[in-house]
Amino acid sequence: DEIYITHIYGFKSHRDHFAIDFDKEQIVKRITELVNQ
């Protein structure tokens, strides 16, 4: 951390089961369903 000027923690979703998936189509399905409520 003295060699690099800045460092960052990784992201946290707190709902990986909703925001992250193996399949792209599943994310599209969830978000589409969310915005079309």
PDB file of all heavy atoms in Angstrom:
ATOM      1  N   ASP A   1       0.813  -1.211   0.000  1.00  0.00           N
ATOM      2  CA  ASP A   1       0.000   0.000   0.000  1.00  0.00           C
ATOM      3  C   ASP A   1       0.852   1.269   0.000  1.00  0.00           C
ATOM      4  O   ASP A   1       0.318   2.381  -0.121  1.00  0.00           O
ATOM      5  CB  ASP A   1      -0.978   0.019   1.179  1.00  0.00           C
ATOM      6  CG  ASP A   1      -0.285   0.027   2.519  1.00  0.00           C
ATOM      7  OD1 ASP A   1       0.793  -0.599   2.636  1.00  0.00           O
ATOM      8  OD2 ASP A   1      -0.794   0.659   3.460  1.00  0.00           O
ATOM      9  N   GLU A   2       2.171   1.125   0.129  1.00  0.00           N
ATOM     10  CA  GLU A   2       3.085   2.255  -0.043  1.00  0.00           C
ATOM     11  C   GLU A   2       3.553   2.355  -1.495  1.00  0.00           C
ATOM     12  O   GLU A   2       3.917   3.426  -1.958  1.00  0.00           O
ATOM     13  CB  GLU A   2       4.308   2.084   0.866  1.00  0.00           C
ATOM     14  CG  GLU A   2       3.981   2.057   2.344  1.00  0.00           C
ATOM     15  CD  GLU A   2       5.156   1.612   3.200  1.00  0.00           C
ATOM     16  OE1 GLU A   2       6.118   1.044   2.648  1.00  0.00           O
ATOM     17  OE2 GLU A   2       5.095   1.842   4.420  1.00  0.00           O
ATOM     18  N   ILE A   3       3.505   1.223  -2.187  1.00  0.00           N
ATOM     19  CA  ILE A   3       3.923   1.187  -3.600  1.00  0.00           C
ATOM     20  C   ILE A   3       2.832   1.755  -4.486  1.00  0.00           C
ATOM     21  O   ILE A   3       3.093   2.508  -5.419  1.00  0.00           O
ATOM     22  CB  ILE A   3       4.258  -0.267  -4.000  1.00  0.00           C
ATOM     23  CG1 ILE A   3       5.507  -0.739  -3.247  1.00  0.00           C
ATOM     24  CG2 ILE A   3       4.453  -0.390  -5.502  1.00  0.00           C
ATOM     25  CD1 ILE A   3       5.813  -2.205  -3.432  1.00  0.00           C
ATOM     26  N   TYR A   4       1.581   1.383  -4.195  1.00  0.00           N
ATOM     27  CA  TYR A   4       0.435   1.865  -4.976  1.00  0.00           C
ATOM     28  C   TYR A   4      -0.147   3.112  -4.306  1.00  0.00           C
ATOM     29  O   TYR A   4      -0.261   3.174  -3.083  1.00  0.00           O
ATOM     30  CB  TYR A   4      -0.642   0.786  -5.065  1.00  0.00           C
ATOM     31  CG  TYR A   4      -0.304  -0.327  -6.034  1.00  0.00           C
ATOM     32  CD1 TYR A   4       0.493  -1.393  -5.642  1.00  0.00           C
ATOM     33  CD2 TYR A   4      -0.782  -0.316  -7.340  1.00  0.00           C
ATOM     34  CE1 TYR A   4       0.807  -2.429  -6.522  1.00  0.00           C
ATOM     35  CE2 TYR A   4      -0.479  -1.333  -8.227  1.00  0.00           C
ATOM     36  CZ  TYR A   4       0.317  -2.384  -7.818  1.00  0.00           C
ATOM     37  OH  TYR A   4       0.628  -3.392  -8.691  1.00  0.00           O
ATOM     38  N   ILE A   5      -0.516   4.080  -5.124  1.00  0.00           N
ATOM     39  CA  ILE A   5      -1.057   5.337  -4.610  1.00  0.00           C
ATOM     40  C   ILE A   5      -2.424   5.121  -3.962  1.00  0.00           C
ATOM     41  O   ILE A   5      -2.726   5.678  -2.919  1.00  0.00           O
ATOM     42  CB  ILE A   5      -1.169   6.381  -5.744  1.00  0.00           C
ATOM     43  CG1 ILE A   5       0.242   6.746  -6.254  1.00  0.00           C
ATOM     44  CG2 ILE A   5      -1.898   7.642  -5.278  1.00  0.00           C
ATOM     45  CD1 ILE A   5       0.233   7.537  -7.538  1.00  0.00           C
ATOM     46  N   THR A   6      -3.246   4.281  -4.596  1.00  0.00           N
ATOM     47  CA  THR A   6      -4.583   4.063  -4.060  1.00  0.00           C
ATOM     48  C   THR A   6      -4.932   2.590  -4.140  1.00  0.00           C
ATOM     49  O   THR A   6      -4.455   1.867  -5.028  1.00  0.00           O
ATOM     50  CB  THR A   6      -5.640   4.893  -4.810  1.00  0.00           C
ATOM     51  OG1 THR A   6      -6.894   4.798  -4.140  1.00  0.00           O
ATOM     52  CG2 THR A   6      -5.821   4.430  -6.238  1.00  0.00           C
ATOM     53  N   HIS A   7      -5.744   2.126  -3.189  1.00  0.00           N
ATOM     54  CA  HIS A   7      -6.286   0.778  -3.263  1.00  0.00           C
ATOM     55  C   HIS A   7      -7.735   0.823  -2.791  1.00  0.00           C
ATOM     56  O   HIS A   7      -8.155   1.746  -2.095  1.00  0.00           O
ATOM     57  CB  HIS A   7      -5.451  -0.216  -2.449  1.00  0.00           C
ATOM     58  CG  HIS A   7      -5.426   0.049  -0.979  1.00  0.00           C
ATOM     59  ND1 HIS A   7      -4.593   0.991  -0.406  1.00  0.00           N
ATOM     60  CD2 HIS A   7      -6.110  -0.507   0.044  1.00  0.00           C
ATOM     61  CE1 HIS A   7      -4.768   1.007   0.898  1.00  0.00           C
ATOM     62  NE2 HIS A   7      -5.690   0.113   1.199  1.00  0.00           N
ATOM     63  N   ILE A   8      -8.500  -0.179  -3.200  1.00  0.00           N
ATOM     64  CA  ILE A   8      -9.950  -0.140  -3.069  1.00  0.00           C
ATOM     65  C   ILE A   8     -10.454  -1.495  -2.580  1.00  0.00           C
ATOM     66  O   ILE A   8      -9.954  -2.537  -2.999  1.00  0.00           O
ATOM     67  CB  ILE A   8     -10.611   0.154  -4.438  1.00  0.00           C
ATOM     68  CG1 ILE A   8      -9.889   1.288  -5.179  1.00  0.00           C
ATOM     69  CG2 ILE A   8     -12.086   0.454  -4.284  1.00  0.00           C
ATOM     70  CD1 ILE A   8     -10.059   1.247  -6.676  1.00  0.00           C
ATOM     71  N   TYR A   9     -11.458  -1.487  -1.708  1.00  0.00           N
ATOM     72  CA  TYR A   9     -12.142  -2.732  -1.356  1.00  0.00           C
ATOM     73  C   TYR A   9     -12.970  -3.205  -2.554  1.00  0.00           C
ATOM     74  O   TYR A   9     -13.358  -2.418  -3.415  1.00  0.00           O
ATOM     75  CB  TYR A   9     -13.076  -2.523  -0.168  1.00  0.00           C
ATOM     76  CG  TYR A   9     -12.397  -2.520   1.186  1.00  0.00           C
ATOM     77  CD1 TYR A   9     -12.324  -1.350   1.941  1.00  0.00           C
ATOM     78  CD2 TYR A   9     -11.857  -3.684   1.715  1.00  0.00           C
ATOM     79  CE1 TYR A   9     -11.717  -1.345   3.198  1.00  0.00           C
ATOM     80  CE2 TYR A   9     -11.250  -3.691   2.964  1.00  0.00           C
ATOM     81  CZ  TYR A   9     -11.184  -2.519   3.690  1.00  0.00           C
ATOM     82  OH  TYR A   9     -10.581  -2.509   4.931  1.00  0.00           O
ATOM     83  N   GLY A  10     -13.280  -4.497  -2.572  1.00  0.00           N
ATOM     84  CA  GLY A  10     -14.186  -5.011  -3.596  1.00  0.00           C
ATOM     85  C   GLY A  10     -15.616  -4.573  -3.326  1.00  0.00           C
ATOM     86  O   GLY A  10     -15.962  -4.140  -2.228  1.00  0.00           O
ATOM     87  N   PHE A  11     -16.462  -4.701  -4.340  1.00  0.00           N
ATOM     88  CA  PHE A  11     -17.856  -4.267  -4.186  1.00  0.00           C
ATOM     89  C   PHE A  11     -18.649  -5.261  -3.330  1.00  0.00           C
ATOM     90  O   PHE A  11     -18.340  -6.446  -3.254  1.00  0.00           O
ATOM     91  CB  PHE A  11     -18.523  -4.090  -5.552  1.00  0.00           C
ATOM     92  CG  PHE A  11     -18.874  -5.378  -6.254  1.00  0.00           C
ATOM     93  CD1 PHE A  11     -20.055  -6.053  -5.981  1.00  0.00           C
ATOM     94  CD2 PHE A  11     -18.029  -5.916  -7.213  1.00  0.00           C
ATOM     95  CE1 PHE A  11     -20.386  -7.235  -6.617  1.00  0.00           C
ATOM     96  CE2 PHE A  11     -18.342  -7.098  -7.868  1.00  0.00           C
ATOM     97  CZ  PHE A  11     -19.526  -7.758  -7.569  1.00  0.00           C
ATOM     98  N   LYS A  12     -19.680  -4.735  -2.671  1.00  0.00           N
ATOM     99  CA  LYS A  12     -20.618  -5.557  -1.906  1.00  0.00           C
ATOM    100  C   LYS A  12     -22.025  -5.257  -2.395  1.00  0.00           C
ATOM    101  O   LYS A  12     -22.452  -4.100  -2.396  1.00  0.00           O
ATOM    102  CB  LYS A  12     -20.548  -5.226  -0.410  1.00  0.00           C
ATOM    103  CG  LYS A  12     -19.291  -5.710   0.300  1.00  0.00           C
ATOM    104  CD  LYS A  12     -19.397  -5.421   1.790  1.00  0.00           C
ATOM    105  CE  LYS A  12     -18.159  -5.905   2.534  1.00  0.00           C
ATOM    106  NZ  LYS A  12     -18.273  -5.695   3.985  1.00  0.00           N
ATOM    107  N   SER A  13     -22.742  -6.281  -2.788  1.00  0.00           N
ATOM    108  CA  SER A  13     -24.127  -6.051  -3.214  1.00  0.00           C
ATOM    109  C   SER A  13     -25.090  -6.194  -2.038  1.00  0.00           C
ATOM    110  O   SER A  13     -26.129  -5.547  -1.996  1.00  0.00           O
ATOM    111  CB  SER A  13     -24.517  -7.043  -4.305  1.00  0.00           C
ATOM    112  OG  SER A  13     -24.754  -8.322  -3.756  1.00  0.00           O
ATOM    113  N   HIS A  14     -24.769  -7.051  -1.070  1.00  0.00           N
ATOM    114  CA  HIS A  14     -25.644  -7.436   0.038  1.00  0.00           C
ATOM    115  C   HIS A  14     -26.874  -8.198  -0.438  1.00  0.00           C
ATOM    116  O   HIS A  14     -27.782  -8.471   0.347  1.00  0.00           O
ATOM    117  CB  HIS A  14     -26.066  -6.216   0.881  1.00  0.00           C
ATOM    118  CG  HIS A  14     -24.934  -5.673   1.691  1.00  0.00           C
ATOM    119  ND1 HIS A  14     -24.862  -4.356   2.069  1.00  0.00           N
ATOM    120  CD2 HIS A  14     -23.802  -6.251   2.168  1.00  0.00           C
ATOM    121  CE1 HIS A  14     -23.750  -4.153   2.760  1.00  0.00           C
ATOM    122  NE2 HIS A  14     -23.086  -5.293   2.837  1.00  0.00           N
ATOM    123  N   ARG A  15     -26.920  -8.518  -1.737  1.00  0.00           N
ATOM    124  CA  ARG A  15     -27.970  -9.369  -2.298  1.00  0.00           C
ATOM    125  C   ARG A  15     -27.436 -10.024  -3.574  1.00  0.00           C
ATOM    126  O   ARG A  15     -27.995  -9.872  -4.659  1.00  0.00           O
ATOM    127  CB  ARG A  15     -29.252  -8.561  -2.544  1.00  0.00           C
ATOM    128  CG  ARG A  15     -29.111  -7.343  -3.436  1.00  0.00           C
ATOM    129  CD  ARG A  15     -30.300  -6.401  -3.298  1.00  0.00           C
ATOM    130  NE  ARG A  15     -30.378  -5.872  -1.952  1.00  0.00           N
ATOM    131  CZ  ARG A  15     -29.726  -4.769  -1.537  1.00  0.00           C
ATOM    132  NH1 ARG A  15     -28.968  -4.091  -2.368  1.00  0.00           N
ATOM    133  NH2 ARG A  15     -29.837  -4.353  -0.296  1.00  0.00           N
ATOM    134  N   ASP A  16     -26.352 -10.784  -3.392  1.00  0.00           N
ATOM    135  CA  ASP A  16     -25.718 -11.441  -4.536  1.00  0.00           C
ATOM    136  C   ASP A  16     -26.706 -12.311  -5.309  1.00  0.00           C
ATOM    137  O   ASP A  16     -26.617 -12.416  -6.538  1.00  0.00           O
ATOM    138  CB  ASP A  16     -24.556 -12.326  -4.065  1.00  0.00           C
ATOM    139  CG  ASP A  16     -23.326 -11.514  -3.670  1.00  0.00           C
ATOM    140  OD1 ASP A  16     -23.418 -10.270  -3.638  1.00  0.00           O
ATOM    141  OD2 ASP A  16     -22.279 -12.124  -3.394  1.00  0.00           O
ATOM    142  N   HIS A  17     -27.620 -12.945  -4.591  1.00  0.00           N
ATOM    143  CA  HIS A  17     -28.555 -13.859  -5.244  1.00  0.00           C
ATOM    144  C   HIS A  17     -29.478 -13.136  -6.226  1.00  0.00           C
ATOM    145  O   HIS A  17     -30.081 -13.784  -7.090  1.00  0.00           O
ATOM    146  CB  HIS A  17     -29.400 -14.595  -4.195  1.00  0.00           C
ATOM    147  CG  HIS A  17     -30.281 -13.680  -3.387  1.00  0.00           C
ATOM    148  ND1 HIS A  17     -29.790 -12.853  -2.401  1.00  0.00           N
ATOM    149  CD2 HIS A  17     -31.619 -13.445  -3.449  1.00  0.00           C
ATOM    150  CE1 HIS A  17     -30.788 -12.170  -1.867  1.00  0.00           C
ATOM    151  NE2 HIS A  17     -31.903 -12.504  -2.494  1.00  0.00           N
ATOM    152  N   PHE A  18     -29.564 -11.818  -6.109  1.00  0.00           N
ATOM    153  CA  PHE A  18     -30.391 -11.030  -7.026  1.00  0.00           C
ATOM    154  C   PHE A  18     -29.548 -10.275  -8.053  1.00  0.00           C
ATOM    155  O   PHE A  18     -29.890 -10.235  -9.232  1.00  0.00           O
ATOM    156  CB  PHE A  18     -31.248 -10.036  -6.230  1.00  0.00           C
ATOM    157  CG  PHE A  18     -32.199  -9.244  -7.090  1.00  0.00           C
ATOM    158  CD1 PHE A  18     -33.401  -9.800  -7.504  1.00  0.00           C
ATOM    159  CD2 PHE A  18     -31.901  -7.943  -7.481  1.00  0.00           C
ATOM    160  CE1 PHE A  18     -34.284  -9.074  -8.312  1.00  0.00           C
ATOM    161  CE2 PHE A  18     -32.773  -7.219  -8.274  1.00  0.00           C
ATOM    162  CZ  PHE A  18     -33.972  -7.784  -8.696  1.00  0.00           C
ATOM    163  N   ALA A  19     -28.448  -9.694  -7.609  1.00  0.00           N
ATOM    164  CA  ALA A  19     -27.655  -8.805  -8.467  1.00  0.00           C
ATOM    165  C   ALA A  19     -26.593  -9.525  -9.288  1.00  0.00           C
ATOM    166  O   ALA A  19     -26.015  -8.940 -10.198  1.00  0.00           O
ATOM    167  CB  ALA A  19     -26.982  -7.736  -7.606  1.00  0.00           C
ATOM    168  N   ILE A  20     -26.320 -10.805  -8.971  1.00  0.00           N
ATOM    169  CA  ILE A  20     -25.236 -11.557  -9.619  1.00  0.00           C
ATOM    170  C   ILE A  20     -25.761 -12.924 -10.028  1.00  0.00           C
ATOM    171  O   ILE A  20     -26.567 -13.527  -9.317  1.00  0.00           O
ATOM    172  CB  ILE A  20     -24.036 -11.709  -8.655  1.00  0.00           C
ATOM    173  CG1 ILE A  20     -23.494 -10.332  -8.268  1.00  0.00           C
ATOM    174  CG2 ILE A  20     -22.924 -12.550  -9.282  1.00  0.00           C
ATOM    175  CD1 ILE A  20     -22.490 -10.347  -7.139  1.00  0.00           C
ATOM    176  N   ASP A  21     -25.294 -13.414 -11.186  1.00  0.00           N
ATOM    177  CA  ASP A  21     -25.748 -14.732 -11.627  1.00  0.00           C
ATOM    178  C   ASP A  21     -24.766 -15.331 -12.623  1.00  0.00           C
ATOM    179  O   ASP A  21     -24.005 -14.612 -13.267  1.00  0.00           O
ATOM    180  CB  ASP A  21     -27.134 -14.645 -12.270  1.00  0.00           C
ATOM    181  CG  ASP A  21     -27.879 -15.971 -12.200  1.00  0.00           C
ATOM    182  OD1 ASP A  21     -27.593 -16.861 -13.023  1.00  0.00           O
ATOM    183  OD2 ASP A  21     -28.744 -16.122 -11.314  1.00  0.00           O
ATOM    184  N   PHE A  22     -24.816 -16.669 -12.753  1.00  0.00           N
ATOM    185  CA  PHE A  22     -24.031 -17.355 -13.779  1.00  0.00           C
ATOM    186  C   PHE A  22     -24.499 -16.931 -15.171  1.00  0.00           C
ATOM    187  O   PHE A  22     -23.698 -16.826 -16.099  1.00  0.00           O
ATOM    188  CB  PHE A  22     -24.209 -18.879 -13.663  1.00  0.00           C
ATOM    189  CG  PHE A  22     -23.721 -19.465 -12.379  1.00  0.00           C
ATOM    190  CD1 PHE A  22     -24.615 -19.926 -11.421  1.00  0.00           C
ATOM    191  CD2 PHE A  22     -22.365 -19.589 -12.128  1.00  0.00           C
ATOM    192  CE1 PHE A  22     -24.162 -20.497 -10.243  1.00  0.00           C
ATOM    193  CE2 PHE A  22     -21.898 -20.153 -10.948  1.00  0.00           C
ATOM    194  CZ  PHE A  22     -22.801 -20.610 -10.007  1.00  0.00           C
ATOM    195  N   ASP A  23     -25.809 -16.738 -15.302  1.00  0.00           N
ATOM    196  CA  ASP A  23     -26.425 -16.512 -16.619  1.00  0.00           C
ATOM    197  C   ASP A  23     -26.866 -15.068 -16.793  1.00  0.00           C
ATOM    198  O   ASP A  23     -27.596 -14.513 -15.959  1.00  0.00           O
ATOM    199  CB  ASP A  23     -27.640 -17.430 -16.795  1.00  0.00           C
ATOM    200  CG  ASP A  23     -27.281 -18.888 -16.639  1.00  0.00           C
ATOM    201  OD1 ASP A  23     -26.243 -19.302 -17.199  1.00  0.00           O
ATOM    202  OD2 ASP A  23     -28.035 -19.622 -15.958  1.00  0.00           O
ATOM    203  N   LYS A  24     -26.455 -14.489 -17.872  1.00  0.00           N
ATOM    204  CA  LYS A  24     -26.827 -13.118 -18.212  1.00  0.00           C
ATOM    205  C   LYS A  24     -28.348 -12.977 -18.303  1.00  0.00           C
ATOM    206  O   LYS A  24     -28.930 -11.981 -17.857  1.00  0.00           O
ATOM    207  CB  LYS A  24     -26.171 -12.748 -19.546  1.00  0.00           C
ATOM    208  CG  LYS A  24     -26.381 -11.336 -19.998  1.00  0.00           C
ATOM    209  CD  LYS A  24     -25.607 -11.102 -21.293  1.00  0.00           C
ATOM    210  CE  LYS A  24     -25.726  -9.666 -21.778  1.00  0.00           C
ATOM    211  NZ  LYS A  24     -24.936  -9.467 -23.022  1.00  0.00           N
ATOM    212  N   GLU A  25     -28.998 -14.001 -18.877  1.00  0.00           N
ATOM    213  CA  GLU A  25     -30.444 -13.932 -19.099  1.00  0.00           C
ATOM    214  C   GLU A  25     -31.217 -13.822 -17.784  1.00  0.00           C
ATOM    215  O   GLU A  25     -32.276 -13.183 -17.726  1.00  0.00           O
ATOM    216  CB  GLU A  25     -30.922 -15.176 -19.871  1.00  0.00           C
ATOM    217  CG  GLU A  25     -30.400 -15.282 -21.292  1.00  0.00           C
ATOM    218  CD  GLU A  25     -28.928 -15.673 -21.367  1.00  0.00           C
ATOM    219  OE1 GLU A  25     -28.391 -16.193 -20.356  1.00  0.00           O
ATOM    220  OE2 GLU A  25     -28.311 -15.443 -22.423  1.00  0.00           O
ATOM    221  N   GLN A  26     -30.685 -14.429 -16.726  1.00  0.00           N
ATOM    222  CA  GLN A  26     -31.361 -14.362 -15.427  1.00  0.00           C
ATOM    223  C   GLN A  26     -31.328 -12.950 -14.848  1.00  0.00           C
ATOM    224  O   GLN A  26     -32.304 -12.487 -14.248  1.00  0.00           O
ATOM    225  CB  GLN A  26     -30.717 -15.349 -14.443  1.00  0.00           C
ATOM    226  CG  GLN A  26     -30.976 -16.805 -14.772  1.00  0.00           C
ATOM    227  CD  GLN A  26     -32.450 -17.157 -14.768  1.00  0.00           C
ATOM    228  OE1 GLN A  26     -33.206 -16.722 -13.900  1.00  0.00           O
ATOM    229  NE2 GLN A  26     -32.868 -17.931 -15.756  1.00  0.00           N
ATOM    230  N   ILE A  27     -30.197 -12.266 -15.039  1.00  0.00           N
ATOM    231  CA  ILE A  27     -30.106 -10.870 -14.580  1.00  0.00           C
ATOM    232  C   ILE A  27     -31.096 -10.010 -15.356  1.00  0.00           C
ATOM    233  O   ILE A  27     -31.828  -9.196 -14.776  1.00  0.00           O
ATOM    234  CB  ILE A  27     -28.674 -10.322 -14.775  1.00  0.00           C
ATOM    235  CG1 ILE A  27     -27.664 -11.136 -13.963  1.00  0.00           C
ATOM    236  CG2 ILE A  27     -28.608  -8.848 -14.396  1.00  0.00           C
ATOM    237  CD1 ILE A  27     -27.657 -10.862 -12.495  1.00  0.00           C
ATOM    238  N   VAL A  28     -31.109 -10.189 -16.672  1.00  0.00           N
ATOM    239  CA  VAL A  28     -32.030  -9.416 -17.516  1.00  0.00           C
ATOM    240  C   VAL A  28     -33.476  -9.657 -17.081  1.00  0.00           C
ATOM    241  O   VAL A  28     -34.279  -8.713 -16.972  1.00  0.00           O
ATOM    242  CB  VAL A  28     -31.840  -9.786 -19.004  1.00  0.00           C
ATOM    243  CG1 VAL A  28     -32.935  -9.152 -19.857  1.00  0.00           C
ATOM    244  CG2 VAL A  28     -30.469  -9.360 -19.494  1.00  0.00           C
ATOM    245  N   LYS A  29     -33.800 -10.909 -16.811  1.00  0.00           N
ATOM    246  CA  LYS A  29     -35.166 -11.250 -16.398  1.00  0.00           C
ATOM    247  C   LYS A  29     -35.539 -10.549 -15.096  1.00  0.00           C
ATOM    248  O   LYS A  29     -36.628  -9.959 -14.984  1.00  0.00           O
ATOM    249  CB  LYS A  29     -35.266 -12.774 -16.231  1.00  0.00           C
ATOM    250  CG  LYS A  29     -36.618 -13.260 -15.724  1.00  0.00           C
ATOM    251  CD  LYS A  29     -36.584 -14.769 -15.483  1.00  0.00           C
ATOM    252  CE  LYS A  29     -37.883 -15.244 -14.833  1.00  0.00           C
ATOM    253  NZ  LYS A  29     -37.840 -16.700 -14.516  1.00  0.00           N
ATOM    254  N   ARG A  30     -34.645 -10.582 -14.112  1.00  0.00           N
ATOM    255  CA  ARG A  30     -34.950  -9.982 -12.802  1.00  0.00           C
ATOM    256  C   ARG A  30     -35.108  -8.471 -12.894  1.00  0.00           C
ATOM    257  O   ARG A  30     -36.039  -7.892 -12.324  1.00  0.00           O
ATOM    258  CB  ARG A  30     -33.836 -10.317 -11.809  1.00  0.00           C
ATOM    259  CG  ARG A  30     -33.785 -11.749 -11.374  1.00  0.00           C
ATOM    260  CD  ARG A  30     -32.555 -12.006 -10.537  1.00  0.00           C
ATOM    261  NE  ARG A  30     -32.181 -13.417 -10.553  1.00  0.00           N
ATOM    262  CZ  ARG A  30     -30.959 -13.861 -10.349  1.00  0.00           C
ATOM    263  NH1 ARG A  30     -29.977 -13.017 -10.094  1.00  0.00           N
ATOM    264  NH2 ARG A  30     -30.701 -15.152 -10.380  1.00  0.00           N
ATOM    265  N   ILE A  31     -34.170  -7.828 -13.588  1.00  0.00           N
ATOM    266  CA  ILE A  31     -34.209  -6.365 -13.666  1.00  0.00           C
ATOM    267  C   ILE A  31     -35.404  -5.904 -14.495  1.00  0.00           C
ATOM    268  O   ILE A  31     -36.066  -4.911 -14.156  1.00  0.00           O
ATOM    269  CB  ILE A  31     -32.890  -5.814 -14.247  1.00  0.00           C
ATOM    270  CG1 ILE A  31     -31.708  -6.224 -13.352  1.00  0.00           C
ATOM    271  CG2 ILE A  31     -32.956  -4.300 -14.384  1.00  0.00           C
ATOM    272  CD1 ILE A  31     -31.803  -5.778 -11.907  1.00  0.00           C
ATOM    273  N   THR A  32     -35.699  -6.633 -15.567  1.00  0.00           N
ATOM    274  CA  THR A  32     -36.875  -6.301 -16.379  1.00  0.00           C
ATOM    275  C   THR A  32     -38.143  -6.416 -15.548  1.00  0.00           C
ATOM    276  O   THR A  32     -39.031  -5.559 -15.595  1.00  0.00           O
ATOM    277  CB  THR A  32     -36.959  -7.235 -17.608  1.00  0.00           C
ATOM    278  OG1 THR A  32     -35.775  -7.095 -18.395  1.00  0.00           O
ATOM    279  CG2 THR A  32     -38.177  -6.892 -18.465  1.00  0.00           C
ATOM    280  N   GLU A  33     -38.206  -7.462 -14.768  1.00  0.00           N
ATOM    281  CA  GLU A  33     -39.367  -7.663 -13.889  1.00  0.00           C
ATOM    282  C   GLU A  33     -39.438  -6.556 -12.850  1.00  0.00           C
ATOM    283  O   GLU A  33     -40.532  -6.064 -12.526  1.00  0.00           O
ATOM    284  CB  GLU A  33     -39.249  -9.035 -13.209  1.00  0.00           C
ATOM    285  CG  GLU A  33     -40.495  -9.473 -12.481  1.00  0.00           C
ATOM    286  CD  GLU A  33     -40.375 -10.878 -11.917  1.00  0.00           C
ATOM    287  OE1 GLU A  33     -39.459 -11.622 -12.342  1.00  0.00           O
ATOM    288  OE2 GLU A  33     -41.189 -11.228 -11.031  1.00  0.00           O
ATOM    289  N   LEU A  34     -38.277  -6.139 -12.343  1.00  0.00           N
ATOM    290  CA  LEU A  34     -38.241  -5.074 -11.341  1.00  0.00           C
ATOM    291  C   LEU A  34     -38.774  -3.761 -11.908  1.00  0.00           C
ATOM    292  O   LEU A  34     -39.638  -3.120 -11.288  1.00  0.00           O
ATOM    293  CB  LEU A  34     -36.803  -4.882 -10.845  1.00  0.00           C
ATOM    294  CG  LEU A  34     -36.541  -3.700  -9.900  1.00  0.00           C
ATOM    295  CD1 LEU A  34     -37.302  -3.877  -8.596  1.00  0.00           C
ATOM    296  CD2 LEU A  34     -35.038  -3.570  -9.617  1.00  0.00           C
ATOM    297  N   VAL A  35     -38.274  -3.343 -13.060  1.00  0.00           N
ATOM    298  CA  VAL A  35     -38.669  -2.028 -13.595  1.00  0.00           C
ATOM    299  C   VAL A  35     -40.089  -2.036 -14.177  1.00  0.00           C
ATOM    300  O   VAL A  35     -40.696  -0.971 -14.347  1.00  0.00           O
ATOM    301  CB  VAL A  35     -37.666  -1.533 -14.671  1.00  0.00           C
ATOM    302  CG1 VAL A  35     -36.294  -1.342 -14.066  1.00  0.00           C
ATOM    303  CG2 VAL A  35     -37.611  -2.469 -15.864  1.00  0.00           C
ATOM    304  N   ASN A  36     -40.609  -3.232 -14.470  1.00  0.00           N
ATOM    305  CA  ASN A  36     -41.959  -3.310 -15.039  1.00  0.00           C
ATOM    306  C   ASN A  36     -43.028  -3.590 -13.998  1.00  0.00           C
ATOM    307  O   ASN A  36     -44.154  -3.938 -14.334  1.00  0.00           O
ATOM    308  CB  ASN A  36     -42.009  -4.401 -16.123  1.00  0.00           C
ATOM    309  CG  ASN A  36     -41.246  -4.003 -17.370  1.00  0.00           C
ATOM    310  OD1 ASN A  36     -41.062  -2.814 -17.635  1.00  0.00           O
ATOM    311  ND2 ASN A  36     -40.781  -4.982 -18.132  1.00  0.00           N
ATOM    312  N   GLN A  37     -42.669  -3.444 -12.732  1.00  0.00           N
ATOM    313  CA  GLN A  37     -43.636  -3.669 -11.668  1.00  0.00           C
ATOM    314  C   GLN A  37     -44.714  -2.580 -11.696  1.00  0.00           C
ATOM    315  O   GLN A  37     -44.459  -1.422 -11.412  1.00  0.00           O
ATOM    316  CB  GLN A  37     -42.937  -3.654 -10.303  1.00  0.00           C
ATOM    317  CG  GLN A  37     -42.141  -4.914  -9.993  1.00  0.00           C
ATOM    318  CD  GLN A  37     -43.053  -6.114  -9.771  1.00  0.00           C
ATOM    319  OE1 GLN A  37     -43.967  -6.076  -8.957  1.00  0.00           O
ATOM    320  NE2 GLN A  37     -42.803  -7.173 -10.514  1.00  0.00           N
TER     321      GLN A  37
END
